[in-house]
Amino acid sequence: MHIKDIMSKEVFDIDKDQNIHDALKLMEKNKISRLVVVNGHGRNNKELVGIITEKDIASRLGSSRYGNLSPSHFHVSTVMSSDIITVESSETLGKAAKLMLENQIGGIPVVDEDKLVGIITKSDFVKICQGVPYNKTSIEDKMETDLMIINPQDRLVHARRMIIDEDVGRLLVMNEGNLEGIITAKDIALSMMSFRKLVPDKYQSARIRNLLVEDVMTQNVNTIPIISTIEDASSMMMNEEISGIPVLDEKENVKGIITKTDLVKFIINLEEAS
């Protein structure tokens, strides 16, 4: 298969001079985690200048370097990554998948003859994980067992630091072996934005350190039994619009997590074997 066979032709973009609050609202409205950044939004000849993700926003909003800036001063250009990787629509899925994993990114703009024609993301790969061999492959063989765990009483700034340092999209929130929630880069970005809007500047530095993981985390987490298949996991990801699912054994103990990245790795193996 080729990139053109599964890529999203509808590309959501934002101008580099817009506010990151606008970026977060656009992501939330369209249930996506990244936007293409352009110069000249709304024009036919708009220029591709970067990519902005939820993790980028969470990273900047909680950093000491930008601690004194109000949300109105956080423009997309301040946060975006300008080192853009692109692919052509005629390239194979294997090449796109490898680029994502090698560069630790979740989406790549598709450019043909200097024209933006689409975007391919890990979500697009998840959609094809149906039928044989996906319904014959156990998630136990593909899940990640080296779990990134945080306590609900830990500070939010610590969760943010873990997500950045470990380069992950989410942390499992556990207390005495029990799964109490999950916290993502998106949760942190939204909470940091709300905090900066509501708390006067002179109090932000002190109060932000009092925010706890349990104040922001998602409770009632979707989980999946360890006996499930890759197809089961992909269906849940699509239906629930999530990127990672904790995996439970028959006693409902957390044994791992299956993510979109794990599914992309499996697809690479299939592409190389074919």
C-alpha atoms as a PDB file:
ATOM      1  CA  MET A   1       0.000   0.000   0.000  1.00  0.00           C
ATOM      2  CA  HIS A   2       0.997   3.605  -0.526  1.00  0.00           C
ATOM      3  CA  ILE A   3       0.561   6.780   1.486  1.00  0.00           C
ATOM      4  CA  LYS A   4      -2.104   8.075  -0.903  1.00  0.00           C
ATOM      5  CA  ASP A   5      -4.251   5.037  -0.066  1.00  0.00           C
ATOM      6  CA  ILE A   6      -4.760   5.942   3.598  1.00  0.00           C
ATOM      7  CA  MET A   7      -3.698   9.584   4.104  1.00  0.00           C
ATOM      8  CA  SER A   8      -6.162  12.249   5.225  1.00  0.00           C
ATOM      9  CA  LYS A   9      -6.792  14.704   2.413  1.00  0.00           C
ATOM     10  CA  GLU A  10      -8.414  17.194   4.780  1.00  0.00           C
ATOM     11  CA  VAL A  11      -5.592  19.108   6.441  1.00  0.00           C
ATOM     12  CA  PHE A  12      -6.272  21.448   9.347  1.00  0.00           C
ATOM     13  CA  ASP A  13      -3.872  24.374   9.362  1.00  0.00           C
ATOM     14  CA  ILE A  14      -3.293  27.477  11.427  1.00  0.00           C
ATOM     15  CA  ASP A  15      -1.372  30.677  10.759  1.00  0.00           C
ATOM     16  CA  LYS A  16       1.946  31.076  12.546  1.00  0.00           C
ATOM     17  CA  ASP A  17       0.815  34.411  14.014  1.00  0.00           C
ATOM     18  CA  GLN A  18      -2.309  33.044  15.681  1.00  0.00           C
ATOM     19  CA  ASN A  19      -2.504  32.363  19.415  1.00  0.00           C
ATOM     20  CA  ILE A  20      -1.878  28.877  20.788  1.00  0.00           C
ATOM     21  CA  HIS A  21      -5.292  29.048  22.450  1.00  0.00           C
ATOM     22  CA  ASP A  22      -6.723  29.096  18.920  1.00  0.00           C
ATOM     23  CA  ALA A  23      -4.580  26.075  18.092  1.00  0.00           C
ATOM     24  CA  LEU A  24      -5.835  24.099  21.094  1.00  0.00           C
ATOM     25  CA  LYS A  25      -9.454  24.969  20.304  1.00  0.00           C
ATOM     26  CA  LEU A  26      -9.012  23.843  16.694  1.00  0.00           C
ATOM     27  CA  MET A  27      -7.417  20.576  17.821  1.00  0.00           C
ATOM     28  CA  GLU A  28     -10.175  19.931  20.336  1.00  0.00           C
ATOM     29  CA  LYS A  29     -12.966  20.775  17.891  1.00  0.00           C
ATOM     30  CA  ASN A  30     -11.639  18.398  15.232  1.00  0.00           C
ATOM     31  CA  LYS A  31     -10.342  15.781  17.695  1.00  0.00           C
ATOM     32  CA  ILE A  32      -6.781  15.883  16.393  1.00  0.00           C
ATOM     33  CA  SER A  33      -3.431  16.271  18.152  1.00  0.00           C
ATOM     34  CA  ARG A  34      -1.456  18.319  15.617  1.00  0.00           C
ATOM     35  CA  LEU A  35      -1.891  21.152  13.131  1.00  0.00           C
ATOM     36  CA  VAL A  36       0.048  22.157  10.057  1.00  0.00           C
ATOM     37  CA  VAL A  37       1.381  25.706  10.491  1.00  0.00           C
ATOM     38  CA  VAL A  38       1.288  28.042   7.511  1.00  0.00           C
ATOM     39  CA  ASN A  39       2.217  31.573   6.591  1.00  0.00           C
ATOM     40  CA  GLY A  40      -0.743  33.204   4.889  1.00  0.00           C
ATOM     41  CA  HIS A  41      -3.731  31.260   6.247  1.00  0.00           C
ATOM     42  CA  GLY A  42      -6.740  31.531   3.927  1.00  0.00           C
ATOM     43  CA  ARG A  43      -4.669  32.332   0.840  1.00  0.00           C
ATOM     44  CA  ASN A  44      -4.208  29.975  -2.076  1.00  0.00           C
ATOM     45  CA  ASN A  45      -0.442  30.359  -1.909  1.00  0.00           C
ATOM     46  CA  LYS A  46      -0.017  29.758   1.821  1.00  0.00           C
ATOM     47  CA  GLU A  47       3.443  28.512   2.795  1.00  0.00           C
ATOM     48  CA  LEU A  48       4.065  25.445   4.974  1.00  0.00           C
ATOM     49  CA  VAL A  49       6.318  26.617   7.831  1.00  0.00           C
ATOM     50  CA  GLY A  50       5.886  24.132  10.681  1.00  0.00           C
ATOM     51  CA  ILE A  51       3.933  21.656  12.782  1.00  0.00           C
ATOM     52  CA  ILE A  52       2.416  22.230  16.219  1.00  0.00           C
ATOM     53  CA  THR A  53       1.319  19.421  18.559  1.00  0.00           C
ATOM     54  CA  GLU A  54      -0.325  19.120  21.962  1.00  0.00           C
ATOM     55  CA  LYS A  55       2.990  17.995  23.399  1.00  0.00           C
ATOM     56  CA  ASP A  56       4.719  21.116  22.008  1.00  0.00           C
ATOM     57  CA  ILE A  57       2.177  23.301  23.779  1.00  0.00           C
ATOM     58  CA  ALA A  58       2.444  21.401  27.075  1.00  0.00           C
ATOM     59  CA  SER A  59       6.234  21.705  26.898  1.00  0.00           C
ATOM     60  CA  ARG A  60       6.271  25.473  26.408  1.00  0.00           C
ATOM     61  CA  LEU A  61       3.435  26.414  28.763  1.00  0.00           C
ATOM     62  CA  GLY A  62       5.066  24.749  31.749  1.00  0.00           C
ATOM     63  CA  SER A  63       8.625  25.902  31.112  1.00  0.00           C
ATOM     64  CA  SER A  64      10.413  28.501  33.221  1.00  0.00           C
ATOM     65  CA  ARG A  65      11.697  30.190  30.073  1.00  0.00           C
ATOM     66  CA  TYR A  66       8.172  31.253  29.099  1.00  0.00           C
ATOM     67  CA  GLY A  67       6.787  31.436  32.630  1.00  0.00           C
ATOM     68  CA  ASN A  68       6.206  35.191  32.595  1.00  0.00           C
ATOM     69  CA  LEU A  69       4.379  35.293  29.285  1.00  0.00           C
ATOM     70  CA  SER A  70       0.595  35.599  29.316  1.00  0.00           C
ATOM     71  CA  PRO A  71      -1.417  33.271  27.028  1.00  0.00           C
ATOM     72  CA  SER A  72      -2.089  36.155  24.636  1.00  0.00           C
ATOM     73  CA  HIS A  73       1.643  36.347  23.886  1.00  0.00           C
ATOM     74  CA  PHE A  74       2.008  32.678  23.040  1.00  0.00           C
ATOM     75  CA  HIS A  75       1.868  32.663  19.288  1.00  0.00           C
ATOM     76  CA  VAL A  76       1.966  29.463  17.282  1.00  0.00           C
ATOM     77  CA  SER A  77       5.368  30.453  15.886  1.00  0.00           C
ATOM     78  CA  THR A  78       6.770  30.463  19.459  1.00  0.00           C
ATOM     79  CA  VAL A  79       5.778  26.853  20.026  1.00  0.00           C
ATOM     80  CA  MET A  80       5.812  25.104  16.648  1.00  0.00           C
ATOM     81  CA  SER A  81       8.531  22.868  15.252  1.00  0.00           C
ATOM     82  CA  SER A  82       9.927  24.401  12.085  1.00  0.00           C
ATOM     83  CA  ASP A  83      12.048  21.374  11.175  1.00  0.00           C
ATOM     84  CA  ILE A  84       9.469  19.855   8.830  1.00  0.00           C
ATOM     85  CA  ILE A  85       9.626  16.317   7.479  1.00  0.00           C
ATOM     86  CA  THR A  86       7.419  15.666   4.447  1.00  0.00           C
ATOM     87  CA  VAL A  87       6.639  12.710   2.184  1.00  0.00           C
ATOM     88  CA  GLU A  88       5.174  12.252  -1.280  1.00  0.00           C
ATOM     89  CA  SER A  89       1.846  10.492  -1.690  1.00  0.00           C
ATOM     90  CA  SER A  90       3.406   7.814  -3.916  1.00  0.00           C
ATOM     91  CA  GLU A  91       5.758   6.595  -1.171  1.00  0.00           C
ATOM     92  CA  THR A  92       5.058   3.307   0.610  1.00  0.00           C
ATOM     93  CA  LEU A  93       3.384   3.050   4.005  1.00  0.00           C
ATOM     94  CA  GLY A  94       6.540   1.434   5.303  1.00  0.00           C
ATOM     95  CA  LYS A  95       8.603   4.533   4.555  1.00  0.00           C
ATOM     96  CA  ALA A  96       6.122   6.844   6.292  1.00  0.00           C
ATOM     97  CA  ALA A  97       5.932   4.552   9.313  1.00  0.00           C
ATOM     98  CA  LYS A  98       9.725   4.380   9.626  1.00  0.00           C
ATOM     99  CA  LEU A  99      10.022   8.163   9.397  1.00  0.00           C
ATOM    100  CA  MET A 100       7.519   8.534  12.222  1.00  0.00           C
ATOM    101  CA  LEU A 101       9.338   6.110  14.490  1.00  0.00           C
ATOM    102  CA  GLU A 102      12.866   7.304  13.654  1.00  0.00           C
ATOM    103  CA  ASN A 103      11.956  10.941  14.246  1.00  0.00           C
ATOM    104  CA  GLN A 104       9.512  10.264  17.097  1.00  0.00           C
ATOM    105  CA  ILE A 105       6.645  12.109  15.447  1.00  0.00           C
ATOM    106  CA  GLY A 106       2.994  11.249  15.028  1.00  0.00           C
ATOM    107  CA  GLY A 107       2.194  12.843  11.690  1.00  0.00           C
ATOM    108  CA  ILE A 108       3.816  13.889   8.413  1.00  0.00           C
ATOM    109  CA  PRO A 109       2.520  16.407   5.841  1.00  0.00           C
ATOM    110  CA  VAL A 110       2.164  14.920   2.365  1.00  0.00           C
ATOM    111  CA  VAL A 111       3.590  17.194  -0.330  1.00  0.00           C
ATOM    112  CA  ASP A 112       3.486  16.581  -4.090  1.00  0.00           C
ATOM    113  CA  GLU A 113       5.288  19.032  -6.390  1.00  0.00           C
ATOM    114  CA  ASP A 114       5.563  21.617  -3.594  1.00  0.00           C
ATOM    115  CA  LYS A 115       1.807  21.434  -2.905  1.00  0.00           C
ATOM    116  CA  LEU A 116       0.334  20.227   0.395  1.00  0.00           C
ATOM    117  CA  VAL A 117      -2.085  17.441  -0.571  1.00  0.00           C
ATOM    118  CA  GLY A 118      -2.700  15.713   2.764  1.00  0.00           C
ATOM    119  CA  ILE A 119      -1.303  14.448   6.023  1.00  0.00           C
ATOM    120  CA  ILE A 120      -0.582  10.943   7.265  1.00  0.00           C
ATOM    121  CA  THR A 121      -0.751  10.194  10.981  1.00  0.00           C
ATOM    122  CA  LYS A 122      -0.594   7.194  13.268  1.00  0.00           C
ATOM    123  CA  SER A 123      -4.393   7.322  13.371  1.00  0.00           C
ATOM    124  CA  ASP A 124      -4.488   6.589   9.638  1.00  0.00           C
ATOM    125  CA  PHE A 125      -2.387   3.470  10.234  1.00  0.00           C
ATOM    126  CA  VAL A 126      -4.696   2.334  13.027  1.00  0.00           C
ATOM    127  CA  LYS A 127      -7.655   2.355  10.622  1.00  0.00           C
ATOM    128  CA  ILE A 128      -6.121  -0.369   8.458  1.00  0.00           C
ATOM    129  CA  CYS A 129      -5.512  -2.791  11.348  1.00  0.00           C
ATOM    130  CA  GLN A 130      -8.570  -4.884  10.497  1.00  0.00           C
ATOM    131  CA  GLY A 131      -8.870  -8.474   9.279  1.00  0.00           C
ATOM    132  CA  VAL A 132      -6.040 -10.978   8.887  1.00  0.00           C
ATOM    133  CA  PRO A 133      -3.399 -10.900  10.380  1.00  0.00           C
ATOM    134  CA  TYR A 134      -4.528  -8.238  12.855  1.00  0.00           C
ATOM    135  CA  ASN A 135      -7.366 -10.378  14.197  1.00  0.00           C
ATOM    136  CA  LYS A 136      -4.944 -13.269  14.701  1.00  0.00           C
ATOM    137  CA  THR A 137      -2.260 -11.341  16.596  1.00  0.00           C
ATOM    138  CA  SER A 138      -2.486 -10.969  20.383  1.00  0.00           C
ATOM    139  CA  ILE A 139      -1.808  -7.564  21.916  1.00  0.00           C
ATOM    140  CA  GLU A 140       0.223  -9.372  24.583  1.00  0.00           C
ATOM    141  CA  ASP A 141       2.912  -9.914  21.947  1.00  0.00           C
ATOM    142  CA  LYS A 142       3.006  -6.252  20.867  1.00  0.00           C
ATOM    143  CA  MET A 143       2.173  -4.183  23.959  1.00  0.00           C
ATOM    144  CA  GLU A 144       4.681  -2.103  25.926  1.00  0.00           C
ATOM    145  CA  THR A 145       5.405  -3.492  29.391  1.00  0.00           C
ATOM    146  CA  ASP A 146       7.872  -0.807  30.557  1.00  0.00           C
ATOM    147  CA  LEU A 147       5.172   1.451  31.950  1.00  0.00           C
ATOM    148  CA  MET A 148       5.451   5.167  32.649  1.00  0.00           C
ATOM    149  CA  ILE A 149       3.645   5.552  35.976  1.00  0.00           C
ATOM    150  CA  ILE A 150       2.853   8.533  38.180  1.00  0.00           C
ATOM    151  CA  ASN A 151       0.969   8.930  41.458  1.00  0.00           C
ATOM    152  CA  PRO A 152      -2.241  11.008  41.621  1.00  0.00           C
ATOM    153  CA  GLN A 153      -0.669  13.090  44.414  1.00  0.00           C
ATOM    154  CA  ASP A 154       2.391  13.968  42.324  1.00  0.00           C
ATOM    155  CA  ARG A 155       2.661  17.513  41.042  1.00  0.00           C
ATOM    156  CA  LEU A 156       1.517  18.326  37.518  1.00  0.00           C
ATOM    157  CA  VAL A 157       4.884  19.916  36.708  1.00  0.00           C
ATOM    158  CA  HIS A 158       6.474  16.529  37.436  1.00  0.00           C
ATOM    159  CA  ALA A 159       4.076  14.797  35.029  1.00  0.00           C
ATOM    160  CA  ARG A 160       4.913  17.358  32.367  1.00  0.00           C
ATOM    161  CA  ARG A 161       8.638  16.779  32.890  1.00  0.00           C
ATOM    162  CA  MET A 162       8.218  12.999  32.620  1.00  0.00           C
ATOM    163  CA  ILE A 163       6.271  13.265  29.369  1.00  0.00           C
ATOM    164  CA  ILE A 164       8.985  15.474  27.867  1.00  0.00           C
ATOM    165  CA  ASP A 165      11.985  13.521  29.182  1.00  0.00           C
ATOM    166  CA  GLU A 166      10.591  10.080  28.328  1.00  0.00           C
ATOM    167  CA  ASP A 167       9.082  11.333  25.050  1.00  0.00           C
ATOM    168  CA  VAL A 168       5.720   9.671  25.672  1.00  0.00           C
ATOM    169  CA  GLY A 169       2.199  10.887  25.066  1.00  0.00           C
ATOM    170  CA  ARG A 170       0.649   9.673  28.300  1.00  0.00           C
ATOM    171  CA  LEU A 171       1.291   8.449  31.830  1.00  0.00           C
ATOM    172  CA  LEU A 172      -0.670   5.857  33.791  1.00  0.00           C
ATOM    173  CA  VAL A 173      -1.847   7.238  37.123  1.00  0.00           C
ATOM    174  CA  MET A 174      -1.561   4.486  39.721  1.00  0.00           C
ATOM    175  CA  ASN A 175      -1.817   4.295  43.479  1.00  0.00           C
ATOM    176  CA  GLU A 176      -0.754   1.157  45.375  1.00  0.00           C
ATOM    177  CA  GLY A 177      -1.040  -0.914  42.209  1.00  0.00           C
ATOM    178  CA  ASN A 178      -4.500   0.357  41.290  1.00  0.00           C
ATOM    179  CA  LEU A 179      -5.172   2.220  38.046  1.00  0.00           C
ATOM    180  CA  GLU A 180      -6.838   5.508  38.973  1.00  0.00           C
ATOM    181  CA  GLY A 181      -6.525   7.458  35.748  1.00  0.00           C
ATOM    182  CA  ILE A 182      -4.453   8.504  32.781  1.00  0.00           C
ATOM    183  CA  ILE A 183      -2.867  11.863  31.982  1.00  0.00           C
ATOM    184  CA  THR A 184      -1.852  12.980  28.502  1.00  0.00           C
ATOM    185  CA  ALA A 185       0.052  15.846  26.934  1.00  0.00           C
ATOM    186  CA  LYS A 186      -3.304  17.259  25.860  1.00  0.00           C
ATOM    187  CA  ASP A 187      -4.605  17.235  29.446  1.00  0.00           C
ATOM    188  CA  ILE A 188      -1.523  19.128  30.586  1.00  0.00           C
ATOM    189  CA  ALA A 189      -1.678  21.676  27.753  1.00  0.00           C
ATOM    190  CA  LEU A 190      -5.343  22.456  28.382  1.00  0.00           C
ATOM    191  CA  SER A 191      -4.882  22.738  32.144  1.00  0.00           C
ATOM    192  CA  MET A 192      -1.827  24.988  31.797  1.00  0.00           C
ATOM    193  CA  MET A 193      -3.698  27.247  29.385  1.00  0.00           C
ATOM    194  CA  SER A 194      -6.707  27.483  31.699  1.00  0.00           C
ATOM    195  CA  PHE A 195      -4.449  28.137  34.699  1.00  0.00           C
ATOM    196  CA  ARG A 196      -2.617  30.978  32.957  1.00  0.00           C
ATOM    197  CA  LYS A 197      -5.894  32.610  31.941  1.00  0.00           C
ATOM    198  CA  LEU A 198      -7.444  32.439  35.414  1.00  0.00           C
ATOM    199  CA  VAL A 199      -4.511  33.139  37.749  1.00  0.00           C
ATOM    200  CA  PRO A 200      -2.899  36.613  37.883  1.00  0.00           C
ATOM    201  CA  ASP A 201       0.667  36.660  36.572  1.00  0.00           C
ATOM    202  CA  LYS A 202       2.284  37.472  39.921  1.00  0.00           C
ATOM    203  CA  TYR A 203       0.801  34.358  41.533  1.00  0.00           C
ATOM    204  CA  GLN A 204       1.385  31.890  38.715  1.00  0.00           C
ATOM    205  CA  SER A 205       4.913  30.771  39.560  1.00  0.00           C
ATOM    206  CA  ALA A 206       3.966  29.801  43.128  1.00  0.00           C
ATOM    207  CA  ARG A 207       0.535  28.346  42.484  1.00  0.00           C
ATOM    208  CA  ILE A 208       1.355  26.263  39.432  1.00  0.00           C
ATOM    209  CA  ARG A 209       3.476  24.018  41.646  1.00  0.00           C
ATOM    210  CA  ASN A 210       0.416  23.219  43.746  1.00  0.00           C
ATOM    211  CA  LEU A 211      -1.452  21.641  40.825  1.00  0.00           C
ATOM    212  CA  LEU A 212      -1.656  17.877  41.243  1.00  0.00           C
ATOM    213  CA  VAL A 213      -1.997  15.074  38.715  1.00  0.00           C
ATOM    214  CA  GLU A 214      -5.379  14.091  40.165  1.00  0.00           C
ATOM    215  CA  ASP A 215      -6.664  17.609  39.408  1.00  0.00           C
ATOM    216  CA  VAL A 216      -6.137  17.089  35.683  1.00  0.00           C
ATOM    217  CA  MET A 217      -6.116  13.350  34.924  1.00  0.00           C
ATOM    218  CA  THR A 218      -8.859  11.480  33.091  1.00  0.00           C
ATOM    219  CA  GLN A 219     -10.680   9.008  35.312  1.00  0.00           C
ATOM    220  CA  ASN A 220     -12.774   5.985  34.231  1.00  0.00           C
ATOM    221  CA  VAL A 221     -10.028   4.887  31.854  1.00  0.00           C
ATOM    222  CA  ASN A 222     -10.767   2.621  28.883  1.00  0.00           C
ATOM    223  CA  THR A 223      -8.915  -0.693  29.337  1.00  0.00           C
ATOM    224  CA  ILE A 224      -8.592  -3.845  27.264  1.00  0.00           C
ATOM    225  CA  PRO A 225      -8.170  -7.538  28.271  1.00  0.00           C
ATOM    226  CA  ILE A 226      -4.772  -9.085  27.595  1.00  0.00           C
ATOM    227  CA  ILE A 227      -6.408 -11.837  25.486  1.00  0.00           C
ATOM    228  CA  SER A 228      -7.559  -9.235  22.921  1.00  0.00           C
ATOM    229  CA  THR A 229      -6.144  -8.872  19.403  1.00  0.00           C
ATOM    230  CA  ILE A 230      -4.548  -6.025  17.500  1.00  0.00           C
ATOM    231  CA  GLU A 231      -7.838  -5.642  15.637  1.00  0.00           C
ATOM    232  CA  ASP A 232      -9.689  -5.272  18.952  1.00  0.00           C
ATOM    233  CA  ALA A 233      -7.236  -2.585  20.065  1.00  0.00           C
ATOM    234  CA  SER A 234      -7.475  -0.653  16.793  1.00  0.00           C
ATOM    235  CA  SER A 235     -11.289  -0.738  16.921  1.00  0.00           C
ATOM    236  CA  MET A 236     -11.306   0.624  20.471  1.00  0.00           C
ATOM    237  CA  MET A 237      -8.822   3.367  19.567  1.00  0.00           C
ATOM    238  CA  MET A 238     -10.995   4.472  16.662  1.00  0.00           C
ATOM    239  CA  ASN A 239     -14.320   4.218  18.489  1.00  0.00           C
ATOM    240  CA  GLU A 240     -13.138   5.918  21.685  1.00  0.00           C
ATOM    241  CA  GLU A 241     -10.772   8.331  19.903  1.00  0.00           C
ATOM    242  CA  ILE A 242      -7.822   7.445  22.125  1.00  0.00           C
ATOM    243  CA  SER A 243      -4.161   6.709  21.421  1.00  0.00           C
ATOM    244  CA  GLY A 244      -3.237   4.319  24.202  1.00  0.00           C
ATOM    245  CA  ILE A 245      -5.054   1.615  26.185  1.00  0.00           C
ATOM    246  CA  PRO A 246      -3.916  -0.012  29.454  1.00  0.00           C
ATOM    247  CA  VAL A 247      -3.911  -3.816  29.175  1.00  0.00           C
ATOM    248  CA  LEU A 248      -5.356  -5.879  32.054  1.00  0.00           C
ATOM    249  CA  ASP A 249      -4.930  -9.537  32.940  1.00  0.00           C
ATOM    250  CA  GLU A 250      -7.762 -11.795  34.114  1.00  0.00           C
ATOM    251  CA  LYS A 251      -7.389 -10.397  37.660  1.00  0.00           C
ATOM    252  CA  GLU A 252      -7.627  -6.831  36.295  1.00  0.00           C
ATOM    253  CA  ASN A 253      -4.014  -6.054  37.085  1.00  0.00           C
ATOM    254  CA  VAL A 254      -2.256  -3.671  34.676  1.00  0.00           C
ATOM    255  CA  LYS A 255       0.232  -5.702  32.630  1.00  0.00           C
ATOM    256  CA  GLY A 256       1.064  -3.241  29.842  1.00  0.00           C
ATOM    257  CA  ILE A 257      -0.201  -0.609  27.458  1.00  0.00           C
ATOM    258  CA  ILE A 258      -0.946  -0.824  23.744  1.00  0.00           C
ATOM    259  CA  THR A 259      -0.544   2.380  21.739  1.00  0.00           C
ATOM    260  CA  LYS A 260      -0.780   3.615  18.180  1.00  0.00           C
ATOM    261  CA  THR A 261       3.005   3.457  18.040  1.00  0.00           C
ATOM    262  CA  ASP A 262       2.897  -0.279  18.774  1.00  0.00           C
ATOM    263  CA  LEU A 263       0.450  -0.773  15.905  1.00  0.00           C
ATOM    264  CA  VAL A 264       2.675   1.219  13.545  1.00  0.00           C
ATOM    265  CA  LYS A 265       5.661  -0.965  14.511  1.00  0.00           C
ATOM    266  CA  PHE A 266       3.620  -4.063  13.688  1.00  0.00           C
ATOM    267  CA  ILE A 267       2.663  -2.650  10.291  1.00  0.00           C
ATOM    268  CA  ILE A 268       6.348  -1.983   9.522  1.00  0.00           C
ATOM    269  CA  ASN A 269       7.139  -5.630  10.273  1.00  0.00           C
ATOM    270  CA  LEU A 270       4.356  -6.758   7.924  1.00  0.00           C
ATOM    271  CA  GLU A 271       5.512  -4.403   5.171  1.00  0.00           C
ATOM    272  CA  GLU A 272       9.087  -5.672   5.432  1.00  0.00           C
ATOM    273  CA  ALA A 273       7.956  -9.298   5.372  1.00  0.00           C
ATOM    274  CA  SER A 274       5.774  -8.878   2.285  1.00  0.00           C
END
